[in-house]
């Protein structure tokens, strides 16, 4: 029996969050983490969820209710690896006020990170694409390991690297250069990119500076054939993609700054990358399509605390009661109108 077609797997983390908010009782056992939201972005644009791979690294205390949600409601091809003698990755998310803006996050238990060996002897190993949240050292170790485990029988997968925020330091620049030659897409957010070039989190938003930084990364040869791209996610300012030989192209955020629809931006960047991968796969590698899909995926992630409800009705995918395809078409029209005005 042949293995199922797996479009993508996230090698990020699943985190069980306890969320604390002013004047409210804490929310317990809320599923979060980079893998959770990247998988959401994929689910929004996939008719057959079985084509999405889900690698869950769990401790012995992983809540059965949360595991049931992943295995039963999501409908993905799920592989669960239990780390014996370890507690599950759990975090404490505290919001400073009722705007759900300023917040702090701390790990209650040490994080359990996936690695390529967790994929062996499963259909997930031969996925067409991988999303990784990692340091440059982990990319340098894990990408060759992943390709070795896969062998020569399959074509090279599409690899999207989201850097671990704490690793984005100017003194690690050379390590980053070596690492992003192994991936197809390198995607920091605007603060992480600025930090990599010596900036601080207090720096004012400067689109021109960000474009220069990203373009210099592309010049340093991203991708195995120097054909990779940099995608910079800039929150309410949208995001842009730049590759060789294309110039930076900006895509607006779905919601305007200050929109009442924006409840909590946690996970939106991860969802963007899941959507980006889905868009590229559906369009034969068109980065522009990927950016549109990613922008729409992010819009659904930030409308509530935690995950939105995703369901399939007939041939359509709905998220929070909204047809995903309709929002995508609306966004594409808006993007076209904006760029026509700029010409």
Protein backbone atom coordinates (compact mmCIF):
# COMPACT_ATOMS: atom_id res chain seq x y z
CA UNK A 1 0.00 0.00 0.00
CA UNK A 2 1.49 3.37 -1.01
CA UNK A 3 1.96 6.18 1.50
CA UNK A 4 -0.56 9.05 1.39
CA UNK A 5 0.40 12.29 -0.35
CA UNK A 6 1.49 14.71 2.37
CA UNK A 7 1.62 18.33 1.25
CA UNK A 8 3.40 19.81 4.26
CA UNK A 9 4.52 19.20 7.83
CA UNK A 10 5.44 21.83 10.41
CA UNK A 11 8.49 21.10 12.52
CA UNK A 12 7.48 23.78 14.96
CA UNK A 13 6.03 23.16 18.41
CA UNK A 14 2.63 22.45 19.90
CA UNK A 15 2.29 24.40 23.14
CA UNK A 16 -0.43 24.08 25.76
CA UNK A 17 -1.11 27.60 26.99
CA UNK A 18 -2.62 28.93 30.17
CA UNK A 19 -3.85 32.42 29.27
CA UNK A 20 -4.26 35.12 31.91
CA UNK A 21 -6.25 38.29 31.20
CA UNK A 22 -7.33 41.21 33.39
CA UNK A 23 -10.77 40.88 35.01
CA UNK A 24 -11.30 37.37 33.62
CA UNK A 25 -10.76 33.84 34.81
CA UNK A 26 -7.69 32.19 33.27
CA UNK A 27 -8.15 30.05 30.17
CA UNK A 28 -6.58 26.61 30.60
CA UNK A 29 -5.25 24.08 28.10
CA UNK A 30 -5.47 26.37 25.07
CA UNK A 31 -3.65 24.89 22.10
CA UNK A 32 -1.01 27.21 20.67
CA UNK A 33 2.51 27.19 19.30
CA UNK A 34 4.08 27.68 15.89
CA UNK A 35 3.13 24.25 14.54
CA UNK A 36 -0.48 24.71 15.64
CA UNK A 37 -0.94 27.95 13.71
CA UNK A 38 1.14 26.95 10.69
CA UNK A 39 -1.09 23.89 10.39
CA UNK A 40 -4.14 26.16 10.65
CA UNK A 41 -2.86 28.13 7.65
CA UNK A 42 -2.59 24.91 5.66
CA UNK A 43 -6.00 23.62 6.74
CA UNK A 44 -7.75 26.74 5.46
CA UNK A 45 -6.82 25.94 1.86
CA UNK A 46 -6.87 22.15 1.79
CA UNK A 47 -9.97 20.19 0.85
CA UNK A 48 -8.54 16.87 2.06
CA UNK A 49 -7.01 17.42 5.49
CA UNK A 50 -5.37 13.99 5.36
CA UNK A 51 -2.85 15.56 2.99
CA UNK A 52 -1.57 17.73 5.83
CA UNK A 53 0.97 16.13 8.12
CA UNK A 54 0.93 16.84 11.82
CA UNK A 55 3.86 15.88 14.07
CA UNK A 56 2.88 16.17 17.72
CA UNK A 57 5.70 15.92 20.26
CA UNK A 58 3.99 15.30 23.59
CA UNK A 59 4.98 14.68 27.16
CA UNK A 60 3.37 11.99 29.25
CA UNK A 61 0.86 14.51 30.63
CA UNK A 62 -0.47 15.82 27.30
CA UNK A 63 -4.21 16.54 27.80
CA UNK A 64 -6.36 13.85 26.18
CA UNK A 65 -8.98 16.45 25.21
CA UNK A 66 -6.42 18.49 23.26
CA UNK A 67 -4.98 15.40 21.63
CA UNK A 68 -8.49 14.38 20.63
CA UNK A 69 -9.05 17.77 19.00
CA UNK A 70 -5.93 17.34 16.87
CA UNK A 71 -6.52 13.71 15.92
CA UNK A 72 -10.29 13.82 15.39
CA UNK A 73 -11.43 17.35 14.56
CA UNK A 74 -8.52 18.44 12.38
CA UNK A 75 -8.58 15.34 10.18
CA UNK A 76 -4.86 15.58 9.47
CA UNK A 77 -2.42 12.69 9.10
CA UNK A 78 -1.12 12.86 12.65
CA UNK A 79 1.94 11.20 14.16
CA UNK A 80 2.28 11.42 17.94
CA UNK A 81 5.66 10.99 19.61
CA UNK A 82 5.56 10.80 23.40
CA UNK A 83 8.76 11.78 25.21
CA UNK A 84 8.90 9.34 28.13
CA UNK A 85 9.53 10.89 31.51
CA UNK A 86 8.95 14.42 30.18
CA UNK A 87 6.17 16.92 30.70
CA UNK A 88 4.44 18.46 27.70
CA UNK A 89 5.43 21.89 26.43
CA UNK A 90 3.30 24.28 28.42
CA UNK A 91 3.41 28.06 28.57
CA UNK A 92 1.93 30.93 30.56
CA UNK A 93 0.66 33.83 28.46
CA UNK A 94 -0.18 36.98 30.43
CA UNK A 95 -1.88 40.01 28.86
CA UNK A 96 -1.07 43.33 30.54
CA UNK A 97 -4.39 44.99 29.73
CA UNK A 98 -7.72 44.49 27.99
CA UNK A 99 -6.43 45.53 24.56
CA UNK A 100 -4.69 42.13 24.23
CA UNK A 101 -1.63 43.99 23.03
CA UNK A 102 1.23 44.03 25.59
CA UNK A 103 1.89 40.49 26.81
CA UNK A 104 4.53 38.25 28.33
CA UNK A 105 5.14 34.58 27.68
CA UNK A 106 7.11 32.11 29.78
CA UNK A 107 7.52 28.36 29.51
CA UNK A 108 6.18 26.46 32.49
CA UNK A 109 7.90 23.28 31.31
CA UNK A 110 10.99 23.09 29.08
CA UNK A 111 9.92 22.96 25.41
CA UNK A 112 9.89 19.65 23.56
CA UNK A 113 11.26 20.28 20.09
CA UNK A 114 10.77 17.98 17.09
CA UNK A 115 13.68 16.76 15.02
CA UNK A 116 13.90 14.89 11.69
CA UNK A 117 14.34 11.50 13.36
CA UNK A 118 10.77 11.84 14.66
CA UNK A 119 9.58 11.59 11.04
CA UNK A 120 11.20 8.26 10.23
CA UNK A 121 8.97 5.25 9.53
CA UNK A 122 6.03 7.55 8.84
CA UNK A 123 4.50 9.08 5.69
CA UNK A 124 5.36 12.52 7.06
CA UNK A 125 9.03 12.02 6.17
CA UNK A 126 8.27 12.35 2.46
CA UNK A 127 6.12 15.48 2.67
CA UNK A 128 6.42 17.91 -0.24
CA UNK A 129 7.17 20.85 2.07
CA UNK A 130 8.35 21.59 5.60
CA UNK A 131 7.94 24.59 7.89
CA UNK A 132 10.66 24.95 10.50
CA UNK A 133 10.91 27.26 13.51
CA UNK A 134 14.59 27.02 14.35
CA UNK A 135 17.92 28.63 15.13
CA UNK A 136 20.54 28.74 12.36
CA UNK A 137 22.49 26.00 14.15
CA UNK A 138 19.40 23.79 14.09
CA UNK A 139 18.88 24.46 10.37
CA UNK A 140 22.50 23.53 9.64
CA UNK A 141 22.01 20.25 11.51
CA UNK A 142 18.41 19.35 10.72
CA UNK A 143 18.10 20.05 6.99
CA UNK A 144 20.97 17.71 5.98
CA UNK A 145 19.65 15.14 8.44
CA UNK A 146 16.16 15.39 6.96
CA UNK A 147 17.45 14.95 3.42
CA UNK A 148 19.58 11.97 4.49
CA UNK A 149 16.59 10.24 6.07
CA UNK A 150 14.56 10.82 2.91
CA UNK A 151 17.24 9.31 0.70
CA UNK A 152 17.50 9.85 -3.04
CA UNK A 153 14.11 8.38 -3.92
CA UNK A 154 12.14 11.62 -3.66
CA UNK A 155 12.64 15.15 -4.95
CA UNK A 156 13.96 17.78 -2.61
CA UNK A 157 11.19 19.27 -0.43
CA UNK A 158 10.24 22.95 -0.32
CA UNK A 159 11.65 24.29 2.97
CA UNK A 160 10.41 27.43 4.73
CA UNK A 161 12.46 28.66 7.67
CA UNK A 162 10.99 30.88 10.38
CA UNK A 163 13.86 31.92 12.68
CA UNK A 164 13.62 31.53 16.42
CA UNK A 165 13.30 35.16 17.59
CA UNK A 166 15.99 34.97 20.28
CA UNK A 167 18.55 33.76 17.73
CA UNK A 168 18.23 36.86 15.52
CA UNK A 169 21.39 38.62 16.64
CA UNK A 170 23.89 40.60 14.60
CA UNK A 171 26.77 38.50 15.93
CA UNK A 172 25.16 35.41 14.40
CA UNK A 173 24.89 36.92 10.91
CA UNK A 174 27.51 34.62 9.33
CA UNK A 175 25.77 31.58 10.80
CA UNK A 176 22.50 32.77 9.29
CA UNK A 177 24.14 33.17 5.87
CA UNK A 178 25.34 29.56 5.98
CA UNK A 179 21.94 28.31 7.14
CA UNK A 180 19.64 30.05 4.70
CA UNK A 181 21.54 28.61 1.76
CA UNK A 182 19.88 25.33 2.75
CA UNK A 183 16.28 26.60 2.59
CA UNK A 184 13.94 27.94 -0.07
CA UNK A 185 12.31 30.70 1.97
CA UNK A 186 13.67 32.62 4.94
CA UNK A 187 10.92 34.49 6.79
CA UNK A 188 11.67 36.70 9.79
CA UNK A 189 9.25 39.32 11.00
CA UNK A 190 10.31 42.95 10.71
CA UNK A 191 11.69 43.11 14.26
CA UNK A 192 13.73 39.94 13.81
CA UNK A 193 15.16 41.14 10.51
CA UNK A 194 16.09 44.48 12.05
CA UNK A 195 17.75 42.73 15.01
CA UNK A 196 19.82 40.60 12.64
CA UNK A 197 21.26 43.84 11.26
CA UNK A 198 21.91 45.37 14.67
CA UNK A 199 18.58 47.10 15.24
CA UNK A 200 16.44 47.02 18.37
CA UNK A 201 12.81 46.20 19.09
CA UNK A 202 12.29 49.91 19.81
CA UNK A 203 13.28 50.94 16.29
CA UNK A 204 10.66 52.83 14.29
CA UNK A 205 9.10 50.98 11.37
CA UNK A 206 11.20 51.76 8.29
CA UNK A 207 10.04 50.03 5.11
CA UNK A 208 13.02 51.21 3.04
CA UNK A 209 15.51 49.92 5.61
CA UNK A 210 13.74 46.56 5.76
CA UNK A 211 13.81 46.25 1.98
CA UNK A 212 17.54 46.96 1.93
CA UNK A 213 18.22 44.36 4.61
CA UNK A 214 16.12 41.70 2.89
CA UNK A 215 17.68 42.43 -0.50
CA UNK A 216 21.16 42.04 0.97
CA UNK A 217 20.15 38.61 2.26
CA UNK A 218 18.97 37.58 -1.20
CA UNK A 219 22.28 38.79 -2.62
CA UNK A 220 24.00 36.42 -0.18
CA UNK A 221 22.40 33.53 -2.09
CA UNK A 222 19.35 32.08 -0.39
CA UNK A 223 18.43 28.58 -1.50
CA UNK A 224 20.33 25.59 -2.79
CA UNK A 225 20.31 27.00 -6.34
CA UNK A 226 20.42 30.66 -5.24
CA UNK A 227 16.76 30.90 -6.22
CA UNK A 228 15.28 31.35 -2.75
CA UNK A 229 13.26 34.23 -1.37
CA UNK A 230 12.99 36.37 1.73
CA UNK A 231 9.52 37.05 3.12
CA UNK A 232 9.30 39.73 5.79
CA UNK A 233 6.15 39.66 7.91
CA UNK A 234 5.41 43.10 9.33
CA UNK A 235 2.15 42.70 11.24
CA UNK A 236 -0.37 45.49 10.63
CA UNK A 237 1.99 46.90 7.98
CA UNK A 238 1.56 43.81 5.82
CA UNK A 239 4.59 42.06 4.42
CA UNK A 240 6.81 41.80 1.39
CA UNK A 241 8.64 39.19 -0.65
CA UNK A 242 11.93 39.65 -2.46
CA UNK A 243 13.90 37.16 -4.50
CA UNK A 244 16.37 37.07 -7.31
CA UNK A 245 15.78 38.92 -9.61
CA UNK A 246 12.47 40.34 -8.33
CA UNK A 247 12.28 43.60 -6.37
CA UNK A 248 10.51 43.81 -2.99
CA UNK A 249 6.73 43.62 -3.44
CA UNK A 250 4.49 44.62 -0.56
CA UNK A 251 1.17 42.97 0.31
CA UNK A 252 -1.17 44.76 2.74
CA UNK A 253 -2.52 43.19 5.90
CA UNK A 254 -6.14 42.10 5.45
CA UNK A 255 -7.27 44.27 8.37
CA UNK A 256 -6.32 47.95 8.60
CA UNK A 257 -4.50 49.29 11.63
CA UNK A 258 -6.87 49.71 14.56
CA UNK A 259 -9.57 47.39 13.19
CA UNK A 260 -11.97 46.12 15.84
CA UNK A 261 -11.79 42.70 14.19
CA UNK A 262 -8.25 42.21 15.45
CA UNK A 263 -8.46 40.52 18.84
CA UNK A 264 -5.12 38.76 19.32
CA UNK A 265 -2.26 38.58 16.82
CA UNK A 266 -0.65 35.57 18.50
CA UNK A 267 0.05 32.92 15.87
CA UNK A 268 -0.86 35.09 12.88
CA UNK A 269 2.68 35.02 11.51
CA UNK A 270 2.82 31.24 11.75
CA UNK A 271 -0.57 30.94 10.05
CA UNK A 272 0.70 33.26 7.31
CA UNK A 273 3.50 30.84 6.48
CA UNK A 274 1.16 27.85 6.42
CA UNK A 275 -1.08 29.76 4.03
CA UNK A 276 1.92 30.85 1.96
CA UNK A 277 3.01 27.25 1.47
CA UNK A 278 -0.52 26.22 0.49
CA UNK A 279 -0.74 29.06 -2.03
CA UNK A 280 2.60 28.22 -3.60
CA UNK A 281 1.65 24.58 -3.93
CA UNK A 282 -1.73 25.33 -5.48
CA UNK A 283 -0.25 27.82 -7.96
CA UNK A 284 2.82 25.90 -9.06
CA UNK A 285 5.24 27.99 -7.05
CA UNK A 286 3.88 31.52 -7.56
CA UNK A 287 5.20 33.58 -4.62
CA UNK A 288 2.60 36.30 -5.23
CA UNK A 289 -0.21 33.79 -4.82
CA UNK A 290 1.50 32.51 -1.72
CA UNK A 291 1.57 36.01 -0.23
CA UNK A 292 -2.17 36.44 -0.85
CA UNK A 293 -2.98 33.09 0.74
CA UNK A 294 -0.72 33.88 3.68
CA UNK A 295 -2.32 37.27 4.28
CA UNK A 296 -5.78 35.71 4.36
CA UNK A 297 -4.66 32.91 6.67
CA UNK A 298 -3.23 35.46 9.10
CA UNK A 299 -6.52 37.40 9.08
CA UNK A 300 -8.42 34.39 10.41
CA UNK A 301 -5.82 33.69 13.09
CA UNK A 302 -6.11 37.08 14.78
CA UNK A 303 -9.89 37.37 15.08
CA UNK A 304 -10.02 35.54 18.44
CA UNK A 305 -7.93 34.18 21.28
CA UNK A 306 -6.73 30.72 20.32
CA UNK A 307 -7.77 28.81 17.23
CA UNK A 308 -10.81 29.59 15.06
CA UNK A 309 -13.24 26.89 14.05
CA UNK A 310 -12.55 25.38 10.64
CA UNK A 311 -15.17 23.24 8.89
CA UNK A 312 -15.95 21.91 5.45
CA UNK A 313 -19.41 22.44 4.00
CA UNK A 314 -19.83 20.81 0.63
CA UNK A 315 -16.81 21.70 -1.49
CA UNK A 316 -15.92 24.81 0.53
CA UNK A 317 -13.81 25.45 3.62
CA UNK A 318 -15.27 27.83 6.19
CA UNK A 319 -13.46 29.52 9.06
CA UNK A 320 -15.49 31.17 11.81
CA UNK A 321 -18.49 30.99 9.47
CA UNK A 322 -16.73 32.75 6.57
CA UNK A 323 -15.96 31.08 3.25
CA UNK A 324 -12.17 31.11 2.97
CA UNK A 325 -12.25 31.22 -0.84
CA UNK A 326 -14.49 34.31 -0.79
CA UNK A 327 -12.13 36.20 1.51
CA UNK A 328 -9.20 35.19 -0.69
CA UNK A 329 -10.87 36.56 -3.81
CA UNK A 330 -11.77 39.77 -1.99
CA UNK A 331 -8.16 40.21 -0.89
CA UNK A 332 -6.79 39.60 -4.38
CA UNK A 333 -9.09 42.27 -5.82
CA UNK A 334 -8.02 44.74 -3.15
CA UNK A 335 -4.33 44.00 -3.79
CA UNK A 336 -4.77 44.51 -7.54
CA UNK A 337 -6.52 47.85 -6.99
CA UNK A 338 -3.78 49.09 -4.66
CA UNK A 339 -1.00 48.27 -7.10
CA UNK A 340 -2.87 49.78 -10.02
CA UNK A 341 -3.09 53.07 -8.11
CA UNK A 342 0.66 52.97 -7.44
CA UNK A 343 1.60 52.59 -11.10
